[in-house]
Structures are given as C-alpha cells and as structure tokens.
Amino acid sequence: MNHEITEIKVVVPGNQPMVSLLGQEDRFLKIIEDSFGCRIVARGNEICIRGEPREAETCTRLFEELIELVQEGLIITPENVGVAIDMVKGGGELKPIDVFRESVLTTRGKVIRPKTTGQKQYVEEMRKSTIVFSIGPAGTGKTYLALAFAVQFLLDRKIDRLILTRPAVEAGEKLGFLPGDIYQKVDPYLRPLYDALYEMLGAEKFHRMMEHGTIEVAPLAFMRGRTLNDSFIILDEAQNTSPEQMKMFLTRLGFGSRAVITGDITQVDLPKNTNSGLMVVREILAGIDGVSFVYLDARDVVRHRIVQQIVEAYKEYENRRADSSDNEQ
C-alpha cells in the first residue's frame, strides 16, 4: 500500500487578510480539511498542506483559486467554498473565478451573482436567447436569477415592462369566487415572486412600479389573448401548465420581448392523466434557434447543504422505484 505523503506550502500575499481566506475561527479551513484527506496548518501568511500527493496538489489548487477570489475583492462564504471544492475536484474547464465574477444585478448596494457552474450557464443563456427554459429542483435559483436578470434589464431600460405569471393550480385558475381584486386573489401563489422583488427593488419602488404598470403580476389564465411587446416575461412553476397553456403562453411573445420559463418536473401538481406542458415542450421546441434549455441539478442547490443531500436522496429513491417497476414488467 502506498503511504507516500507530500507537503506543499502556499504563500498568501501580505496584503490579503488571512481571515477573509480561512473564515472566522478558521471556519473555511475546517470545511476544506474535511473535504480532502490532508492536514492543513496556517501560520502567518503561509498555509501548509500535508497529505497524499494527488489530494495535496488538488487542495493547493483550491487555495490558489480562493486567493484569486479574495484578490478580486469577492467575499468568500461557506457556500462558495463548497462550490469551489466541487469545481476543483471535478477538474472542469471553468475556474471558480469565472463563476463568481459574473454579475447579474447590482442594486441597493448588493450584487447578485451566479453561485454554481450551472447557474453561470443559465445566466449566459439568458443573455443570448429569446426564450430560456430553466428546469431543476427547488433551491437552484431558477426564479431568483430570472427575476434579477429581468430587473437589471428593466433598470437599464432595455424593456418597458416586467411581467410575472404562475399557474394557480390549486384553485384550478377559476379565481372569480375568491374575494378581493386580482392581486389579492392570486397573492398566495405569487408571494415568492413579491418577496424576491422586495429584496431587489425595495418595497416602495416595487409598489410604485406596480402602480405604473411597469411590473405586472398575474395568473397565467389572464395572459390569454394578449400580445406582449418590449417585455420580459417570467413563467414560474411551469411544470403545472398543461400543453395547451404552455402553447398559449409562448405565443404571447411580441417584438422586443424575452421569456424565461422555470419549473421542476419532479413536482407536478396537475390532476392525474394531465400532461405537463413543461415536459412536452422539450420535445416540441428542441433545436429551434433562440430557444434554450438549461438543466440544473443538486449541484446547483444554493440553500443549506442538507437541501442538496435531500434532492439527491429523492432522486436516488425515484430511480430505484423506476428500476423496480421495469423489473416487474
């Protein structure tokens, strides 16, 4: 058995505070040490990495990437340390700096950026495509990034209106019996969109834009018969559209407009024997120029690390059930 051990030293530039690289009470260092079979010791501006040669070299490359992030003025968090570890271990072409440098929206003293390679691809597709379908589990930033991208377009005056819509499946889109105006009727279904917009614009600016019609929030049923020009339209929870509703929505797109359609095909709430428009559209529109499909997965979950593990566990469970069903047949 090979027990070869190597020791590598990484020198951190003197103008960079070690706490920004290692975290308070060496929090990031502990995350890194748990991810590699290495012993890591920091003294002064030196980091000593001791372990099996391949692991030590990979760990060294990670610290070099993190130093580059700090030198760029980017703030390191436990989440992006985890992403950087996955990227370095995966050996892909993209570097962490390529992902975390990207800016989607700058507002209210905050910069919203992609946090994973999948999210970076998503943002790139939104930049170049007229219609983007973003498909993936909860927590992958599908809707949040689409809203941030659309708000930046709105602030840059590249569009005149931002339109947000969702299918109100639980009420069968027959909302007339509910009390209140249109916004009060669909409020429970659209609350997650409001919350994100409050964060990006502030409540006062958001309500002012709503009053002026610059931002419009409506259930999918109210899109019928309209042609939307110079608009950015986001259809959220698209897995709960029927094929007919999906076609209706896509044919609303007018001149100077873009659309982002988000959904999770593992959480369809439609009645039994009703096809999801999001599943069907993948076959219909594949290969059309200007239409892009982005698939996010557990690696793109940016909530608590345990959410990523939950998503993976459900995926494995569903795969086992599918294999069992095939064997029975």
Protein backbone atom coordinates (compact mmCIF):
# COMPACT_ATOMS: atom_id res chain seq x y z
CA MET A 1 0.00 0.00 0.00
CA ASN A 2 1.34 3.45 -0.92
CA HIS A 3 1.62 5.74 2.11
CA GLU A 4 3.58 8.47 0.36
CA ILE A 5 3.00 11.86 1.97
CA THR A 6 3.89 15.21 0.47
CA GLU A 7 3.98 18.68 1.97
CA ILE A 8 3.16 21.82 -0.01
CA LYS A 9 3.28 25.42 1.17
CA VAL A 10 1.03 28.15 -0.20
CA VAL A 11 2.11 31.74 0.43
CA VAL A 12 -0.74 34.22 0.75
CA PRO A 13 0.09 37.76 -0.47
CA GLY A 14 0.78 40.01 2.51
CA ASN A 15 -1.94 42.49 1.57
CA GLN A 16 -4.67 39.86 1.98
CA PRO A 17 -6.07 39.27 5.48
CA MET A 18 -6.00 35.56 6.31
CA VAL A 19 -9.44 35.70 7.93
CA SER A 20 -11.03 36.53 4.55
CA LEU A 21 -9.46 33.37 3.14
CA LEU A 22 -9.85 30.99 6.09
CA GLY A 23 -13.01 32.40 7.70
CA GLN A 24 -13.74 33.39 11.27
CA GLU A 25 -12.12 30.90 13.64
CA ASP A 26 -10.77 29.05 10.56
CA ARG A 27 -14.30 28.04 9.54
CA PHE A 28 -13.46 27.68 5.83
CA LEU A 29 -10.22 25.87 6.59
CA LYS A 30 -12.17 23.22 8.51
CA ILE A 31 -14.57 22.75 5.57
CA ILE A 32 -11.60 22.28 3.23
CA GLU A 33 -9.81 19.92 5.59
CA ASP A 34 -12.96 17.75 5.85
CA SER A 35 -13.17 17.60 2.04
CA PHE A 36 -9.59 16.50 1.43
CA GLY A 37 -7.53 13.84 3.14
CA CYS A 38 -4.99 16.45 4.15
CA ARG A 39 -3.70 18.11 7.27
CA ILE A 40 -3.77 21.91 6.84
CA VAL A 41 -1.97 24.33 9.13
CA ALA A 42 -1.89 28.13 8.72
CA ARG A 43 0.95 30.16 10.22
CA GLY A 44 1.40 33.82 9.45
CA ASN A 45 0.78 34.21 5.72
CA GLU A 46 1.68 30.59 4.93
CA ILE A 47 -0.63 27.62 4.53
CA CYS A 48 0.99 24.21 4.90
CA ILE A 49 -0.82 21.31 3.22
CA ARG A 50 0.27 17.78 4.10
CA GLY A 51 -1.23 14.64 2.58
CA GLU A 52 -1.27 12.12 -0.27
CA PRO A 53 0.32 13.79 -3.33
CA ARG A 54 -2.75 13.99 -5.56
CA GLU A 55 -5.02 15.24 -2.75
CA ALA A 56 -2.40 17.75 -1.59
CA GLU A 57 -1.98 19.11 -5.13
CA THR A 58 -5.75 19.46 -5.60
CA CYS A 59 -6.07 21.16 -2.22
CA THR A 60 -3.23 23.52 -3.16
CA ARG A 61 -5.02 24.42 -6.39
CA LEU A 62 -8.16 25.17 -4.37
CA PHE A 63 -6.30 27.64 -2.13
CA GLU A 64 -4.79 29.29 -5.20
CA GLU A 65 -8.31 29.72 -6.61
CA LEU A 66 -9.61 31.13 -3.31
CA ILE A 67 -6.71 33.59 -3.13
CA GLU A 68 -7.63 34.79 -6.62
CA LEU A 69 -11.23 35.34 -5.48
CA VAL A 70 -10.08 37.39 -2.48
CA GLN A 71 -7.72 39.45 -4.66
CA GLU A 72 -10.67 40.26 -6.94
CA GLY A 73 -12.49 41.66 -3.91
CA LEU A 74 -15.08 38.88 -3.83
CA ILE A 75 -16.37 37.75 -0.44
CA ILE A 76 -15.84 34.08 0.35
CA THR A 77 -18.71 32.23 2.04
CA PRO A 78 -19.15 28.63 3.20
CA GLU A 79 -21.41 28.09 0.18
CA ASN A 80 -18.94 29.24 -2.46
CA VAL A 81 -16.11 27.39 -0.70
CA GLY A 82 -18.19 24.23 -1.19
CA VAL A 83 -18.81 25.08 -4.84
CA ALA A 84 -15.12 25.83 -5.40
CA ILE A 85 -14.19 22.47 -3.84
CA ASP A 86 -16.60 20.65 -6.17
CA MET A 87 -15.24 22.53 -9.19
CA VAL A 88 -11.59 21.86 -8.38
CA LYS A 89 -12.25 18.20 -7.66
CA GLY A 90 -14.33 17.87 -10.82
CA GLY A 91 -11.48 19.14 -12.96
CA GLY A 92 -13.68 21.07 -15.40
CA GLU A 93 -12.54 23.92 -17.63
CA LEU A 94 -14.30 26.61 -15.62
CA LYS A 95 -12.50 28.13 -12.65
CA PRO A 96 -14.34 29.43 -9.54
CA ILE A 97 -13.40 33.00 -10.51
CA ASP A 98 -15.20 32.52 -13.85
CA VAL A 99 -18.44 31.74 -12.00
CA PHE A 100 -18.29 34.14 -9.05
CA ARG A 101 -17.07 37.16 -11.06
CA GLU A 102 -20.26 37.21 -13.16
CA SER A 103 -22.71 39.96 -12.16
CA VAL A 104 -26.45 39.63 -12.87
CA LEU A 105 -27.90 42.57 -10.93
CA THR A 106 -26.39 45.45 -8.97
CA THR A 107 -28.95 47.23 -6.80
CA ARG A 108 -29.31 48.72 -3.33
CA GLY A 109 -25.63 48.14 -2.58
CA LYS A 110 -25.85 44.45 -3.38
CA VAL A 111 -24.53 42.39 -6.29
CA ILE A 112 -26.43 39.24 -7.29
CA ARG A 113 -24.18 36.66 -8.96
CA PRO A 114 -24.43 33.04 -10.10
CA LYS A 115 -23.07 30.69 -7.46
CA THR A 116 -22.53 27.48 -9.42
CA THR A 117 -21.40 26.42 -12.89
CA GLY A 118 -24.99 25.51 -13.79
CA GLN A 119 -26.21 28.94 -12.74
CA LYS A 120 -23.47 30.60 -14.79
CA GLN A 121 -24.62 28.66 -17.85
CA TYR A 122 -28.20 29.72 -17.08
CA VAL A 123 -27.19 33.40 -16.99
CA GLU A 124 -25.24 33.05 -20.25
CA GLU A 125 -28.27 31.53 -21.98
CA MET A 126 -30.49 34.38 -20.73
CA ARG A 127 -28.02 36.85 -22.25
CA LYS A 128 -28.13 35.30 -25.73
CA SER A 129 -31.51 33.55 -26.13
CA THR A 130 -35.00 34.95 -26.63
CA ILE A 131 -36.69 32.12 -24.72
CA VAL A 132 -34.97 30.16 -21.94
CA PHE A 133 -36.38 27.14 -20.14
CA SER A 134 -34.77 26.56 -16.74
CA ILE A 135 -35.57 23.11 -15.34
CA GLY A 136 -34.35 21.89 -11.97
CA PRO A 137 -35.20 21.15 -8.34
CA ALA A 138 -36.05 23.62 -5.57
CA GLY A 139 -33.22 25.81 -4.36
CA THR A 140 -31.28 26.03 -7.62
CA GLY A 141 -32.04 29.74 -8.15
CA LYS A 142 -34.20 29.29 -11.25
CA THR A 143 -36.72 32.02 -10.45
CA TYR A 144 -34.47 34.26 -8.38
CA LEU A 145 -31.83 34.60 -11.12
CA ALA A 146 -34.50 35.15 -13.78
CA LEU A 147 -36.01 37.96 -11.68
CA ALA A 148 -32.59 39.52 -11.06
CA PHE A 149 -31.77 39.39 -14.78
CA ALA A 150 -35.15 40.89 -15.70
CA VAL A 151 -34.89 43.66 -13.08
CA GLN A 152 -31.46 44.67 -14.46
CA PHE A 153 -33.00 44.80 -17.95
CA LEU A 154 -35.77 46.99 -16.56
CA LEU A 155 -33.37 49.35 -14.75
CA ASP A 156 -31.23 49.60 -17.91
CA ARG A 157 -34.39 50.44 -19.93
CA LYS A 158 -33.85 47.51 -22.29
CA ILE A 159 -37.50 46.60 -21.74
CA ASP A 160 -40.62 48.58 -20.83
CA ARG A 161 -42.34 46.01 -18.62
CA LEU A 162 -41.64 43.03 -16.41
CA ILE A 163 -44.48 40.52 -16.35
CA LEU A 164 -44.58 37.67 -13.83
CA THR A 165 -47.04 34.84 -14.07
CA ARG A 166 -47.74 31.45 -12.49
CA PRO A 167 -50.45 28.84 -12.98
CA ALA A 168 -52.78 28.85 -9.97
CA VAL A 169 -53.24 25.10 -9.99
CA GLU A 170 -54.74 24.72 -6.54
CA ALA A 171 -57.67 26.92 -7.49
CA GLY A 172 -57.95 25.50 -10.99
CA GLU A 173 -57.38 29.06 -12.22
CA LYS A 174 -61.09 29.69 -11.53
CA LEU A 175 -60.33 32.62 -9.26
CA GLY A 176 -63.53 34.59 -9.57
CA PHE A 177 -65.11 33.20 -6.41
CA LEU A 178 -62.24 34.49 -4.26
CA PRO A 179 -62.72 37.90 -2.57
CA GLY A 180 -60.69 40.99 -3.47
CA ASP A 181 -59.07 42.37 -6.61
CA ILE A 182 -56.89 40.35 -8.99
CA TYR A 183 -53.74 40.77 -6.87
CA GLN A 184 -55.48 39.67 -3.68
CA LYS A 185 -56.93 36.64 -5.49
CA VAL A 186 -53.57 35.32 -6.68
CA ASP A 187 -51.44 36.64 -3.82
CA PRO A 188 -50.84 33.22 -2.18
CA TYR A 189 -49.45 31.83 -5.44
CA LEU A 190 -47.26 34.82 -6.28
CA ARG A 191 -45.92 35.67 -2.83
CA PRO A 192 -42.44 34.14 -3.54
CA LEU A 193 -42.08 36.49 -6.52
CA TYR A 194 -43.09 39.51 -4.42
CA ASP A 195 -40.53 38.59 -1.76
CA ALA A 196 -37.68 38.46 -4.28
CA LEU A 197 -38.70 41.77 -5.86
CA TYR A 198 -38.96 43.49 -2.47
CA GLU A 199 -35.38 42.41 -1.82
CA MET A 200 -34.12 43.63 -5.20
CA LEU A 201 -36.04 46.90 -5.52
CA GLY A 202 -37.30 47.79 -2.06
CA ALA A 203 -40.99 47.78 -1.19
CA GLU A 204 -41.61 51.43 -2.13
CA LYS A 205 -40.06 51.21 -5.60
CA PHE A 206 -41.72 47.86 -6.24
CA HIS A 207 -45.21 49.19 -5.38
CA ARG A 208 -44.61 52.33 -7.47
CA MET A 209 -43.67 50.19 -10.47
CA MET A 210 -46.73 48.03 -9.90
CA GLU A 211 -48.98 51.11 -9.82
CA HIS A 212 -47.50 52.42 -13.07
CA GLY A 213 -47.81 49.02 -14.78
CA THR A 214 -44.04 48.69 -15.20
CA ILE A 215 -44.25 45.48 -13.21
CA GLU A 216 -47.29 43.28 -13.69
CA VAL A 217 -48.08 40.16 -11.70
CA ALA A 218 -50.94 37.97 -12.88
CA PRO A 219 -52.10 34.35 -13.05
CA LEU A 220 -51.44 32.50 -16.27
CA ALA A 221 -55.14 32.47 -17.16
CA PHE A 222 -55.02 36.26 -17.60
CA MET A 223 -52.35 36.03 -20.33
CA ARG A 224 -54.79 34.66 -22.89
CA GLY A 225 -55.47 36.90 -25.89
CA ARG A 226 -52.60 39.31 -25.23
CA THR A 227 -49.52 40.22 -27.29
CA LEU A 228 -46.63 41.39 -25.13
CA ASN A 229 -44.10 43.71 -26.79
CA ASP A 230 -40.89 45.11 -25.25
CA SER A 231 -41.42 42.98 -22.16
CA PHE A 232 -39.56 40.46 -20.06
CA ILE A 233 -41.99 37.69 -19.14
CA ILE A 234 -41.29 35.07 -16.50
CA LEU A 235 -43.49 31.99 -16.21
CA ASP A 236 -42.82 30.36 -12.87
CA GLU A 237 -43.85 26.84 -11.73
CA ALA A 238 -44.26 25.91 -15.40
CA GLN A 239 -44.44 22.19 -14.59
CA ASN A 240 -48.05 22.90 -13.59
CA THR A 241 -49.11 24.13 -17.03
CA SER A 242 -50.96 21.95 -19.49
CA PRO A 243 -49.55 21.65 -23.04
CA GLU A 244 -52.32 23.99 -24.21
CA GLN A 245 -51.46 26.60 -21.58
CA MET A 246 -47.77 26.40 -22.47
CA LYS A 247 -48.55 26.99 -26.15
CA MET A 248 -50.83 29.90 -25.22
CA PHE A 249 -48.09 31.49 -23.10
CA LEU A 250 -45.32 31.10 -25.68
CA THR A 251 -47.42 32.62 -28.44
CA ARG A 252 -47.95 35.81 -26.36
CA LEU A 253 -44.36 36.87 -27.08
CA GLY A 254 -44.19 40.06 -29.13
CA PHE A 255 -41.45 42.22 -30.66
CA GLY A 256 -38.56 43.16 -28.39
CA SER A 257 -39.61 40.67 -25.73
CA ARG A 258 -37.92 37.82 -23.92
CA ALA A 259 -39.26 34.99 -21.82
CA VAL A 260 -37.89 32.73 -19.11
CA ILE A 261 -39.85 29.64 -18.13
CA THR A 262 -38.90 27.92 -14.89
CA GLY A 263 -40.09 24.66 -13.37
CA ASP A 264 -39.33 21.46 -11.51
CA ILE A 265 -40.56 18.40 -13.40
CA THR A 266 -40.33 16.30 -10.23
CA GLN A 267 -43.05 18.37 -8.52
CA VAL A 268 -46.02 18.33 -10.86
CA ASP A 269 -49.33 19.15 -9.11
CA LEU A 270 -51.60 18.64 -12.12
CA PRO A 271 -54.52 16.19 -11.97
CA LYS A 272 -53.76 12.59 -12.91
CA ASN A 273 -53.68 11.86 -16.65
CA THR A 274 -52.85 15.52 -17.41
CA ASN A 275 -49.53 16.01 -19.18
CA SER A 276 -47.20 18.75 -18.02
CA GLY A 277 -46.66 21.41 -20.67
CA LEU A 278 -43.07 21.75 -19.49
CA MET A 279 -42.33 18.11 -20.21
CA VAL A 280 -44.00 18.14 -23.62
CA VAL A 281 -42.39 21.39 -24.80
CA ARG A 282 -38.90 19.89 -24.52
CA GLU A 283 -39.71 17.60 -27.44
CA ILE A 284 -41.54 20.23 -29.47
CA LEU A 285 -39.03 23.10 -29.34
CA ALA A 286 -35.73 21.22 -29.22
CA GLY A 287 -33.35 22.61 -31.85
CA ILE A 288 -35.16 25.92 -32.51
CA ASP A 289 -32.72 28.83 -32.79
CA GLY A 290 -33.20 31.35 -29.97
CA VAL A 291 -34.74 28.78 -27.62
CA SER A 292 -32.51 27.32 -24.91
CA PHE A 293 -32.99 24.63 -22.26
CA VAL A 294 -30.90 24.73 -19.09
CA TYR A 295 -30.97 21.81 -16.67
CA LEU A 296 -29.94 22.46 -13.09
CA ASP A 297 -29.45 19.70 -10.52
CA ALA A 298 -28.49 19.06 -6.90
CA ARG A 299 -25.02 20.54 -7.51
CA ASP A 300 -26.70 23.90 -8.18
CA VAL A 301 -28.73 23.97 -4.95
CA VAL A 302 -27.67 27.13 -3.12
CA ARG A 303 -29.69 26.67 0.04
CA HIS A 304 -28.44 24.81 3.12
CA ARG A 305 -26.07 21.95 2.20
CA ILE A 306 -28.60 19.45 3.56
CA VAL A 307 -31.09 20.54 0.86
CA GLN A 308 -28.61 19.32 -1.77
CA GLN A 309 -28.44 15.98 0.02
CA ILE A 310 -32.25 15.78 0.22
CA VAL A 311 -32.56 16.42 -3.52
CA GLU A 312 -30.00 13.69 -4.25
CA ALA A 313 -31.75 11.26 -1.87
CA TYR A 314 -35.12 11.78 -3.58
CA LYS A 315 -33.51 11.34 -7.00
CA GLU A 316 -31.95 8.03 -5.94
CA TYR A 317 -35.25 6.88 -4.43
CA GLU A 318 -37.16 7.68 -7.62
CA ASN A 319 -34.53 5.91 -9.73
CA ARG A 320 -34.83 2.79 -7.54
CA ARG A 321 -38.62 2.83 -7.90
CA ALA A 322 -38.33 3.22 -11.67
CA ASP A 323 -35.87 0.29 -11.85
CA SER A 324 -38.18 -1.82 -9.68
CA SER A 325 -41.17 -1.07 -11.94
CA ASP A 326 -39.15 -2.02 -15.04
CA ASN A 327 -38.10 -5.32 -13.45
CA GLU A 328 -41.69 -6.17 -12.53
CA GLN A 329 -42.73 -5.67 -16.14
